[in-house]
Amino acid sequence: MRTLCFLGIGLLISCPVVGQDASSFVTGITLLSGAESCPVFVAGVGAGSPAEQAGIKSGDVLVAVNGTPVSTIDETVRQFLHAESPTPVTLALVHQEKPYVATVGRVRSSILLSSKHEKVLESGMVVPMDATEAEMNGKLKAITRERMVDRVFPTHFPSNERLYYSGFEVLIMKNPAQVVVLGIEDGPASRAGVHWGDTILSVRGVDPRNKSITELEPLFSSKKPASMTLKIERDGVTKELTFQLAEAAQVLRDNQRQFLQGELVPLGLPDRYLYCFK
């Protein structure tokens, strides 16, 4: 799971989830809110989580928690996302215009994270098992608004779902010129060991620096099945990672997302809520 955070003054980009507690008990639900006056949506459900076992789906609307109406994510976070005990919670939801009620248990956050090969650092960031506090803090300090030039795949995904790609955004930076992994999904790159914030030294043997968006898009994607080799720098160490690209449509489904009339929204979101994400 990834979220949005502020880096520098006013720079809103994708970053690792912050504020987790490995000892807390969670349901396995990720929530999302759209425009003002829109409801709170289920953005994702963790594989094997209590929420999945209770039948909750991505795109469902969360109406109430333990009988208390829900209007904002902040409110629901306080009420049920993290708890100090495994006490079940009763949720009122709507799936494809049909209301239903689900009683959802909780499991320790560390258990769900370990099943995804992730962990929580002392800072509260959720990161891959092999990530370190120093690595992530260094990346957070290095990626600032002043250095950001542009992004490839700004929704994390190519607009053409038939393209094959690695599963991450590409950030172009200046002073010095660098190309960096930005938001990263559950996909080929993350499974191969690529981390958020890795500096890309070469892709398929090509230095990506000082190239335009139109040059970078085909470099980081393919019209047919292919492999990709990335040479990255992480915390002063150079690594080379090779993996098979996946069709963007499959990566979308794996991350419980879909394009609806060109907008990236939770998988299963009813058409009538599209206005919430424009």
C-alpha atoms as a PDB file:
ATOM      1  CA  MET A   1       0.000   0.000   0.000  1.00  0.00           C
ATOM      2  CA  ARG A   2       1.189   3.517  -0.808  1.00  0.00           C
ATOM      3  CA  THR A   3      -0.130   6.922   0.133  1.00  0.00           C
ATOM      4  CA  LEU A   4       0.544  10.602  -0.533  1.00  0.00           C
ATOM      5  CA  CYS A   5       2.803  12.843   1.516  1.00  0.00           C
ATOM      6  CA  PHE A   6       4.251  16.337   1.444  1.00  0.00           C
ATOM      7  CA  LEU A   7       7.961  16.574   0.669  1.00  0.00           C
ATOM      8  CA  GLY A   8       9.373  20.066   0.832  1.00  0.00           C
ATOM      9  CA  ILE A   9       6.929  22.972   0.543  1.00  0.00           C
ATOM     10  CA  GLY A  10       3.742  22.002  -1.219  1.00  0.00           C
ATOM     11  CA  LEU A  11       5.086  18.990  -3.082  1.00  0.00           C
ATOM     12  CA  LEU A  12       2.534  16.223  -2.982  1.00  0.00           C
ATOM     13  CA  ILE A  13       3.859  12.935  -4.324  1.00  0.00           C
ATOM     14  CA  SER A  14       3.645   9.235  -3.665  1.00  0.00           C
ATOM     15  CA  CYS A  15       5.676   7.872  -0.784  1.00  0.00           C
ATOM     16  CA  PRO A  16       5.774   4.901   1.577  1.00  0.00           C
ATOM     17  CA  VAL A  17       2.917   4.699   4.061  1.00  0.00           C
ATOM     18  CA  VAL A  18       3.766   6.583   7.245  1.00  0.00           C
ATOM     19  CA  GLY A  19       2.259   6.254  10.714  1.00  0.00           C
ATOM     20  CA  GLN A  20       1.916   2.504  10.945  1.00  0.00           C
ATOM     21  CA  ASP A  21       2.459   0.506  14.133  1.00  0.00           C
ATOM     22  CA  ALA A  22       3.485  -3.117  13.682  1.00  0.00           C
ATOM     23  CA  SER A  23       1.905  -4.067  17.021  1.00  0.00           C
ATOM     24  CA  SER A  24      -1.536  -2.570  16.280  1.00  0.00           C
ATOM     25  CA  PHE A  25      -4.480  -4.655  15.101  1.00  0.00           C
ATOM     26  CA  VAL A  26      -5.874  -3.862  11.644  1.00  0.00           C
ATOM     27  CA  THR A  27      -8.698  -4.970   9.351  1.00  0.00           C
ATOM     28  CA  GLY A  28      -6.696  -4.901   6.123  1.00  0.00           C
ATOM     29  CA  ILE A  29      -8.727  -2.134   4.468  1.00  0.00           C
ATOM     30  CA  THR A  30      -7.243   0.847   2.623  1.00  0.00           C
ATOM     31  CA  LEU A  31      -9.552   3.852   2.327  1.00  0.00           C
ATOM     32  CA  LEU A  32      -9.770   6.716  -0.148  1.00  0.00           C
ATOM     33  CA  SER A  33     -11.807   9.900  -0.327  1.00  0.00           C
ATOM     34  CA  GLY A  34     -12.514  11.862  -3.465  1.00  0.00           C
ATOM     35  CA  ALA A  35     -13.760  15.413  -3.941  1.00  0.00           C
ATOM     36  CA  GLU A  36     -15.556  17.259  -1.180  1.00  0.00           C
ATOM     37  CA  SER A  37     -19.056  15.891  -0.469  1.00  0.00           C
ATOM     38  CA  CYS A  38     -18.064  12.464  -1.821  1.00  0.00           C
ATOM     39  CA  PRO A  39     -18.289   9.352   0.395  1.00  0.00           C
ATOM     40  CA  VAL A  40     -15.370   7.329   1.733  1.00  0.00           C
ATOM     41  CA  PHE A  41     -14.419   4.452  -0.565  1.00  0.00           C
ATOM     42  CA  VAL A  42     -12.611   1.176  -0.027  1.00  0.00           C
ATOM     43  CA  ALA A  43      -9.464   1.613  -2.137  1.00  0.00           C
ATOM     44  CA  GLY A  44      -8.054  -1.831  -1.464  1.00  0.00           C
ATOM     45  CA  VAL A  45      -8.392  -4.986   0.611  1.00  0.00           C
ATOM     46  CA  GLY A  46      -5.327  -6.882   1.785  1.00  0.00           C
ATOM     47  CA  ALA A  47      -4.935 -10.459   0.546  1.00  0.00           C
ATOM     48  CA  GLY A  48      -5.787 -12.887   3.347  1.00  0.00           C
ATOM     49  CA  SER A  49      -6.891 -10.050   5.630  1.00  0.00           C
ATOM     50  CA  PRO A  50      -9.986 -10.094   7.882  1.00  0.00           C
ATOM     51  CA  ALA A  51     -11.592  -7.616   5.477  1.00  0.00           C
ATOM     52  CA  GLU A  52     -11.130  -9.970   2.518  1.00  0.00           C
ATOM     53  CA  GLN A  53     -12.502 -12.865   4.565  1.00  0.00           C
ATOM     54  CA  ALA A  54     -15.558 -10.726   5.400  1.00  0.00           C
ATOM     55  CA  GLY A  55     -16.265 -10.191   1.691  1.00  0.00           C
ATOM     56  CA  ILE A  56     -15.381  -6.493   1.463  1.00  0.00           C
ATOM     57  CA  LYS A  57     -14.407  -5.356  -2.034  1.00  0.00           C
ATOM     58  CA  SER A  58     -12.450  -2.525  -3.581  1.00  0.00           C
ATOM     59  CA  GLY A  59     -14.819   0.227  -4.737  1.00  0.00           C
ATOM     60  CA  ASP A  60     -17.321  -0.331  -1.915  1.00  0.00           C
ATOM     61  CA  VAL A  61     -18.627   2.744  -0.091  1.00  0.00           C
ATOM     62  CA  LEU A  62     -18.075   2.842   3.668  1.00  0.00           C
ATOM     63  CA  VAL A  63     -21.218   4.196   5.330  1.00  0.00           C
ATOM     64  CA  ALA A  64     -20.811   3.560   9.068  1.00  0.00           C
ATOM     65  CA  VAL A  65     -18.492   2.055  11.669  1.00  0.00           C
ATOM     66  CA  ASN A  66     -20.129   0.370  14.688  1.00  0.00           C
ATOM     67  CA  GLY A  67     -23.309   2.270  13.886  1.00  0.00           C
ATOM     68  CA  THR A  68     -21.617   5.680  13.641  1.00  0.00           C
ATOM     69  CA  PRO A  69     -21.991   7.366  10.237  1.00  0.00           C
ATOM     70  CA  VAL A  70     -18.740   8.001   8.370  1.00  0.00           C
ATOM     71  CA  SER A  71     -17.997  11.184   6.456  1.00  0.00           C
ATOM     72  CA  THR A  72     -14.195  11.530   6.395  1.00  0.00           C
ATOM     73  CA  ILE A  73     -11.157   9.259   6.379  1.00  0.00           C
ATOM     74  CA  ASP A  74      -9.720  10.939   9.478  1.00  0.00           C
ATOM     75  CA  GLU A  75     -12.788   9.965  11.410  1.00  0.00           C
ATOM     76  CA  THR A  76     -12.666   6.349  10.283  1.00  0.00           C
ATOM     77  CA  VAL A  77      -8.934   6.060  10.948  1.00  0.00           C
ATOM     78  CA  ARG A  78      -9.527   7.005  14.583  1.00  0.00           C
ATOM     79  CA  GLN A  79     -12.410   4.581  14.874  1.00  0.00           C
ATOM     80  CA  PHE A  80     -11.172   1.365  13.365  1.00  0.00           C
ATOM     81  CA  LEU A  81      -8.134   1.261  11.104  1.00  0.00           C
ATOM     82  CA  HIS A  82      -5.716   0.790  14.009  1.00  0.00           C
ATOM     83  CA  ALA A  83      -6.682  -0.624  17.394  1.00  0.00           C
ATOM     84  CA  GLU A  84      -4.865  -1.922  20.438  1.00  0.00           C
ATOM     85  CA  SER A  85      -6.915  -5.117  20.593  1.00  0.00           C
ATOM     86  CA  PRO A  86      -8.324  -7.655  18.095  1.00  0.00           C
ATOM     87  CA  THR A  87     -11.919  -6.650  18.878  1.00  0.00           C
ATOM     88  CA  PRO A  88     -14.085  -7.053  15.738  1.00  0.00           C
ATOM     89  CA  VAL A  89     -15.694  -4.005  14.149  1.00  0.00           C
ATOM     90  CA  THR A  90     -19.081  -3.804  12.387  1.00  0.00           C
ATOM     91  CA  LEU A  91     -19.084  -1.935   9.091  1.00  0.00           C
ATOM     92  CA  ALA A  92     -22.027  -0.760   7.005  1.00  0.00           C
ATOM     93  CA  LEU A  93     -21.095  -0.597   3.327  1.00  0.00           C
ATOM     94  CA  VAL A  94     -22.580  -0.383  -0.147  1.00  0.00           C
ATOM     95  CA  HIS A  95     -21.399  -2.699  -2.939  1.00  0.00           C
ATOM     96  CA  GLN A  96     -22.596  -1.890  -6.451  1.00  0.00           C
ATOM     97  CA  GLU A  97     -25.573   0.060  -5.029  1.00  0.00           C
ATOM     98  CA  LYS A  98     -26.514  -2.771  -2.639  1.00  0.00           C
ATOM     99  CA  PRO A  99     -26.098  -2.061   1.104  1.00  0.00           C
ATOM    100  CA  TYR A 100     -24.686  -4.733   3.378  1.00  0.00           C
ATOM    101  CA  VAL A 101     -23.202  -5.124   6.863  1.00  0.00           C
ATOM    102  CA  ALA A 102     -19.956  -6.952   7.643  1.00  0.00           C
ATOM    103  CA  THR A 103     -18.404  -7.835  10.982  1.00  0.00           C
ATOM    104  CA  VAL A 104     -14.653  -7.661  10.481  1.00  0.00           C
ATOM    105  CA  GLY A 105     -11.991  -9.069  12.773  1.00  0.00           C
ATOM    106  CA  ARG A 106      -8.534  -7.658  13.227  1.00  0.00           C
ATOM    107  CA  VAL A 107      -5.041  -9.081  12.933  1.00  0.00           C
ATOM    108  CA  ARG A 108      -1.691  -7.669  13.977  1.00  0.00           C
ATOM    109  CA  SER A 109      -0.339  -5.271  11.383  1.00  0.00           C
ATOM    110  CA  SER A 110       3.024  -7.066  11.421  1.00  0.00           C
ATOM    111  CA  ILE A 111       1.369 -10.296  10.250  1.00  0.00           C
ATOM    112  CA  LEU A 112      -0.238  -8.694   7.206  1.00  0.00           C
ATOM    113  CA  LEU A 113       2.939  -6.782   6.402  1.00  0.00           C
ATOM    114  CA  SER A 114       5.160  -9.860   6.596  1.00  0.00           C
ATOM    115  CA  SER A 115       2.854 -11.676   4.162  1.00  0.00           C
ATOM    116  CA  LYS A 116       3.672  -8.903   1.673  1.00  0.00           C
ATOM    117  CA  HIS A 117       7.381  -8.974   2.606  1.00  0.00           C
ATOM    118  CA  GLU A 118       7.115  -5.552   4.247  1.00  0.00           C
ATOM    119  CA  LYS A 119       7.905  -4.148   7.681  1.00  0.00           C
ATOM    120  CA  VAL A 120       7.532  -0.985   9.777  1.00  0.00           C
ATOM    121  CA  LEU A 121      10.566   1.163  10.544  1.00  0.00           C
ATOM    122  CA  GLU A 122      10.939   3.083  13.807  1.00  0.00           C
ATOM    123  CA  SER A 123       9.811   6.188  11.918  1.00  0.00           C
ATOM    124  CA  GLY A 124       6.502   4.462  11.150  1.00  0.00           C
ATOM    125  CA  MET A 125       7.180   4.007   7.430  1.00  0.00           C
ATOM    126  CA  VAL A 126       6.004   0.782   5.798  1.00  0.00           C
ATOM    127  CA  VAL A 127       8.856  -0.427   3.595  1.00  0.00           C
ATOM    128  CA  PRO A 128      10.225  -3.603   1.958  1.00  0.00           C
ATOM    129  CA  MET A 129      11.875  -6.073   4.328  1.00  0.00           C
ATOM    130  CA  ASP A 130      15.375  -5.183   3.118  1.00  0.00           C
ATOM    131  CA  ALA A 131      14.938  -1.390   3.441  1.00  0.00           C
ATOM    132  CA  THR A 132      16.676   0.542   6.202  1.00  0.00           C
ATOM    133  CA  GLU A 133      15.827   3.646   8.217  1.00  0.00           C
ATOM    134  CA  ALA A 134      18.912   5.474   6.880  1.00  0.00           C
ATOM    135  CA  GLU A 135      18.030   4.634   3.274  1.00  0.00           C
ATOM    136  CA  MET A 136      14.449   5.883   3.503  1.00  0.00           C
ATOM    137  CA  ASN A 137      15.266   9.019   5.511  1.00  0.00           C
ATOM    138  CA  GLY A 138      17.972   9.908   3.008  1.00  0.00           C
ATOM    139  CA  LYS A 139      15.545   9.558   0.120  1.00  0.00           C
ATOM    140  CA  LEU A 140      12.879  11.679   1.839  1.00  0.00           C
ATOM    141  CA  LYS A 141      15.424  14.474   2.311  1.00  0.00           C
ATOM    142  CA  ALA A 142      16.745  14.234  -1.271  1.00  0.00           C
ATOM    143  CA  ILE A 143      13.402  14.324  -3.105  1.00  0.00           C
ATOM    144  CA  THR A 144      12.273  17.941  -2.759  1.00  0.00           C
ATOM    145  CA  ARG A 145       9.957  20.196  -4.673  1.00  0.00           C
ATOM    146  CA  GLU A 146      12.809  22.339  -5.916  1.00  0.00           C
ATOM    147  CA  ARG A 147      14.459  19.350  -7.613  1.00  0.00           C
ATOM    148  CA  MET A 148      11.330  17.899  -9.239  1.00  0.00           C
ATOM    149  CA  VAL A 149      11.077  18.527 -12.995  1.00  0.00           C
ATOM    150  CA  ASP A 150       8.457  16.112 -14.354  1.00  0.00           C
ATOM    151  CA  ARG A 151       7.037  12.601 -14.083  1.00  0.00           C
ATOM    152  CA  VAL A 152       6.573   9.708 -16.488  1.00  0.00           C
ATOM    153  CA  PHE A 153       3.368   7.706 -15.884  1.00  0.00           C
ATOM    154  CA  PRO A 154       1.977  10.286 -13.393  1.00  0.00           C
ATOM    155  CA  THR A 155      -0.862   7.931 -12.402  1.00  0.00           C
ATOM    156  CA  HIS A 156       1.741   5.152 -11.864  1.00  0.00           C
ATOM    157  CA  PHE A 157       0.366   3.450 -15.012  1.00  0.00           C
ATOM    158  CA  PRO A 158       0.705   3.997 -18.782  1.00  0.00           C
ATOM    159  CA  SER A 159      -2.481   5.417 -20.286  1.00  0.00           C
ATOM    160  CA  ASN A 160      -2.430   2.447 -22.688  1.00  0.00           C
ATOM    161  CA  GLU A 161      -3.353  -0.593 -20.566  1.00  0.00           C
ATOM    162  CA  ARG A 162      -2.022  -2.956 -23.240  1.00  0.00           C
ATOM    163  CA  LEU A 163       1.567  -1.799 -22.766  1.00  0.00           C
ATOM    164  CA  TYR A 164       3.958  -3.886 -20.688  1.00  0.00           C
ATOM    165  CA  TYR A 165       5.793  -2.052 -17.939  1.00  0.00           C
ATOM    166  CA  SER A 166       7.534  -2.332 -14.588  1.00  0.00           C
ATOM    167  CA  GLY A 167       4.962  -0.970 -12.145  1.00  0.00           C
ATOM    168  CA  PHE A 168       6.331   2.387 -10.994  1.00  0.00           C
ATOM    169  CA  GLU A 169       6.312   6.099 -11.731  1.00  0.00           C
ATOM    170  CA  VAL A 170       9.482   7.718 -13.027  1.00  0.00           C
ATOM    171  CA  LEU A 171      10.544  11.057 -11.522  1.00  0.00           C
ATOM    172  CA  ILE A 172      12.852  13.441 -13.410  1.00  0.00           C
ATOM    173  CA  MET A 173      14.983  15.598 -11.098  1.00  0.00           C
ATOM    174  CA  LYS A 174      17.537  18.399 -11.438  1.00  0.00           C
ATOM    175  CA  ASN A 175      20.539  19.717  -9.474  1.00  0.00           C
ATOM    176  CA  PRO A 176      21.925  17.145 -10.116  1.00  0.00           C
ATOM    177  CA  ALA A 177      20.098  15.558 -13.072  1.00  0.00           C
ATOM    178  CA  GLN A 178      18.662  12.241 -11.932  1.00  0.00           C
ATOM    179  CA  VAL A 179      15.877   9.821 -12.798  1.00  0.00           C
ATOM    180  CA  VAL A 180      14.299   8.246  -9.722  1.00  0.00           C
ATOM    181  CA  VAL A 181      11.702   5.580  -8.902  1.00  0.00           C
ATOM    182  CA  LEU A 182       8.675   7.380  -7.511  1.00  0.00           C
ATOM    183  CA  GLY A 183       5.364   5.716  -6.599  1.00  0.00           C
ATOM    184  CA  ILE A 184       5.751   1.942  -6.870  1.00  0.00           C
ATOM    185  CA  GLU A 185       2.988  -0.631  -7.095  1.00  0.00           C
ATOM    186  CA  ASP A 186       2.800  -4.338  -6.401  1.00  0.00           C
ATOM    187  CA  GLY A 187       4.320  -5.405  -9.697  1.00  0.00           C
ATOM    188  CA  PRO A 188       7.400  -6.757 -11.490  1.00  0.00           C
ATOM    189  CA  ALA A 189       9.826  -4.110 -10.206  1.00  0.00           C
ATOM    190  CA  SER A 190       8.797  -4.219  -6.543  1.00  0.00           C
ATOM    191  CA  ARG A 191       8.880  -8.036  -6.564  1.00  0.00           C
ATOM    192  CA  ALA A 192      12.385  -7.918  -8.044  1.00  0.00           C
ATOM    193  CA  GLY A 193      13.555  -5.692  -5.181  1.00  0.00           C
ATOM    194  CA  VAL A 194      13.249  -2.157  -6.563  1.00  0.00           C
ATOM    195  CA  HIS A 195      12.551   0.410  -3.825  1.00  0.00           C
ATOM    196  CA  TRP A 196      10.768   3.734  -3.752  1.00  0.00           C
ATOM    197  CA  GLY A 197      13.338   6.486  -4.291  1.00  0.00           C
ATOM    198  CA  ASP A 198      15.997   4.361  -6.020  1.00  0.00           C
ATOM    199  CA  THR A 199      18.120   6.379  -8.456  1.00  0.00           C
ATOM    200  CA  ILE A 200      18.059   4.812 -11.941  1.00  0.00           C
ATOM    201  CA  LEU A 201      21.523   4.792 -13.520  1.00  0.00           C
ATOM    202  CA  SER A 202      20.504   2.870 -16.629  1.00  0.00           C
ATOM    203  CA  VAL A 203      17.508   1.051 -18.082  1.00  0.00           C
ATOM    204  CA  ARG A 204      18.154  -1.587 -20.725  1.00  0.00           C
ATOM    205  CA  GLY A 205      21.710  -0.252 -20.842  1.00  0.00           C
ATOM    206  CA  VAL A 206      20.609   3.327 -21.589  1.00  0.00           C
ATOM    207  CA  ASP A 207      21.302   6.293 -19.307  1.00  0.00           C
ATOM    208  CA  PRO A 208      17.844   7.903 -18.797  1.00  0.00           C
ATOM    209  CA  ARG A 209      19.152  11.331 -17.751  1.00  0.00           C
ATOM    210  CA  ASN A 210      18.533  14.395 -19.922  1.00  0.00           C
ATOM    211  CA  LYS A 211      15.865  12.635 -21.980  1.00  0.00           C
ATOM    212  CA  SER A 212      12.377  13.957 -22.731  1.00  0.00           C
ATOM    213  CA  ILE A 213       9.122  12.371 -21.547  1.00  0.00           C
ATOM    214  CA  THR A 214       8.465  11.104 -25.079  1.00  0.00           C
ATOM    215  CA  GLU A 215      11.857   9.379 -25.041  1.00  0.00           C
ATOM    216  CA  LEU A 216      11.433   7.951 -21.546  1.00  0.00           C
ATOM    217  CA  GLU A 217       7.952   6.463 -21.972  1.00  0.00           C
ATOM    218  CA  PRO A 218       9.010   3.797 -24.535  1.00  0.00           C
ATOM    219  CA  LEU A 219      12.242   3.214 -22.604  1.00  0.00           C
ATOM    220  CA  PHE A 220      10.258   2.226 -19.511  1.00  0.00           C
ATOM    221  CA  SER A 221       7.549   0.257 -21.345  1.00  0.00           C
ATOM    222  CA  SER A 222       7.101  -2.183 -24.234  1.00  0.00           C
ATOM    223  CA  LYS A 223       4.415  -3.031 -26.770  1.00  0.00           C
ATOM    224  CA  LYS A 224       5.092  -6.743 -26.288  1.00  0.00           C
ATOM    225  CA  PRO A 225       6.331  -9.048 -23.497  1.00  0.00           C
ATOM    226  CA  ALA A 226       9.919  -8.220 -22.615  1.00  0.00           C
ATOM    227  CA  SER A 227      12.437  -8.190 -19.805  1.00  0.00           C
ATOM    228  CA  MET A 228      13.989  -5.101 -18.265  1.00  0.00           C
ATOM    229  CA  THR A 229      17.343  -4.623 -16.555  1.00  0.00           C
ATOM    230  CA  LEU A 230      17.673  -1.652 -14.227  1.00  0.00           C
ATOM    231  CA  LYS A 231      20.944  -0.455 -12.755  1.00  0.00           C
ATOM    232  CA  ILE A 232      20.098   1.518  -9.646  1.00  0.00           C
ATOM    233  CA  GLU A 233      21.964   3.350  -6.894  1.00  0.00           C
ATOM    234  CA  ARG A 234      20.681   2.953  -3.358  1.00  0.00           C
ATOM    235  CA  ASP A 235      22.323   4.378  -0.271  1.00  0.00           C
ATOM    236  CA  GLY A 236      25.695   4.551  -2.025  1.00  0.00           C
ATOM    237  CA  VAL A 237      25.501   1.005  -3.427  1.00  0.00           C
ATOM    238  CA  THR A 238      24.959   0.100  -7.103  1.00  0.00           C
ATOM    239  CA  LYS A 239      22.620  -2.812  -7.870  1.00  0.00           C
ATOM    240  CA  GLU A 240      21.449  -4.449 -11.100  1.00  0.00           C
ATOM    241  CA  LEU A 241      17.963  -5.963 -11.194  1.00  0.00           C
ATOM    242  CA  THR A 242      16.342  -7.863 -14.083  1.00  0.00           C
ATOM    243  CA  PHE A 243      12.656  -8.797 -14.335  1.00  0.00           C
ATOM    244  CA  GLN A 244       9.866  -9.514 -16.825  1.00  0.00           C
ATOM    245  CA  LEU A 245       7.510  -6.640 -17.596  1.00  0.00           C
ATOM    246  CA  ALA A 246       3.781  -7.159 -17.016  1.00  0.00           C
ATOM    247  CA  GLU A 247       0.810  -5.862 -18.942  1.00  0.00           C
ATOM    248  CA  ALA A 248      -0.447  -2.648 -17.357  1.00  0.00           C
ATOM    249  CA  ALA A 249      -3.986  -4.062 -17.279  1.00  0.00           C
ATOM    250  CA  GLN A 250      -2.780  -6.932 -15.071  1.00  0.00           C
ATOM    251  CA  VAL A 251      -0.847  -4.621 -12.748  1.00  0.00           C
ATOM    252  CA  LEU A 252      -3.982  -2.484 -12.424  1.00  0.00           C
ATOM    253  CA  ARG A 253      -6.051  -5.502 -11.381  1.00  0.00           C
ATOM    254  CA  ASP A 254      -3.354  -6.726  -8.985  1.00  0.00           C
ATOM    255  CA  ASN A 255      -3.450  -3.329  -7.270  1.00  0.00           C
ATOM    256  CA  GLN A 256      -7.256  -3.134  -7.271  1.00  0.00           C
ATOM    257  CA  ARG A 257      -7.331  -0.164  -9.642  1.00  0.00           C
ATOM    258  CA  GLN A 258      -9.043   0.589 -12.941  1.00  0.00           C
ATOM    259  CA  PHE A 259      -9.232   3.354 -15.517  1.00  0.00           C
ATOM    260  CA  LEU A 260     -12.786   4.674 -15.763  1.00  0.00           C
ATOM    261  CA  GLN A 261     -13.249   7.164 -18.607  1.00  0.00           C
ATOM    262  CA  GLY A 262      -9.553   7.947 -18.354  1.00  0.00           C
ATOM    263  CA  GLU A 263      -9.543   8.441 -14.571  1.00  0.00           C
ATOM    264  CA  LEU A 264      -7.625   6.111 -12.224  1.00  0.00           C
ATOM    265  CA  VAL A 265     -10.099   4.898  -9.586  1.00  0.00           C
ATOM    266  CA  PRO A 266     -10.579   1.912  -7.255  1.00  0.00           C
ATOM    267  CA  LEU A 267     -11.486  -1.345  -8.985  1.00  0.00           C
ATOM    268  CA  GLY A 268     -15.237  -1.879  -8.754  1.00  0.00           C
ATOM    269  CA  LEU A 269     -16.122   1.795  -8.291  1.00  0.00           C
ATOM    270  CA  PRO A 270     -19.643   2.484  -9.642  1.00  0.00           C
ATOM    271  CA  ASP A 271     -19.707   4.847 -12.629  1.00  0.00           C
ATOM    272  CA  ARG A 272     -21.834   7.384 -10.795  1.00  0.00           C
ATOM    273  CA  TYR A 273     -18.952   8.207  -8.442  1.00  0.00           C
ATOM    274  CA  LEU A 274     -16.517   9.040 -11.212  1.00  0.00           C
ATOM    275  CA  TYR A 275     -16.998  12.760 -10.559  1.00  0.00           C
ATOM    276  CA  CYS A 276     -15.283  12.278  -7.173  1.00  0.00           C
ATOM    277  CA  PHE A 277     -11.935  11.697  -8.871  1.00  0.00           C
ATOM    278  CA  LYS A 278     -11.932  14.246 -11.697  1.00  0.00           C
END
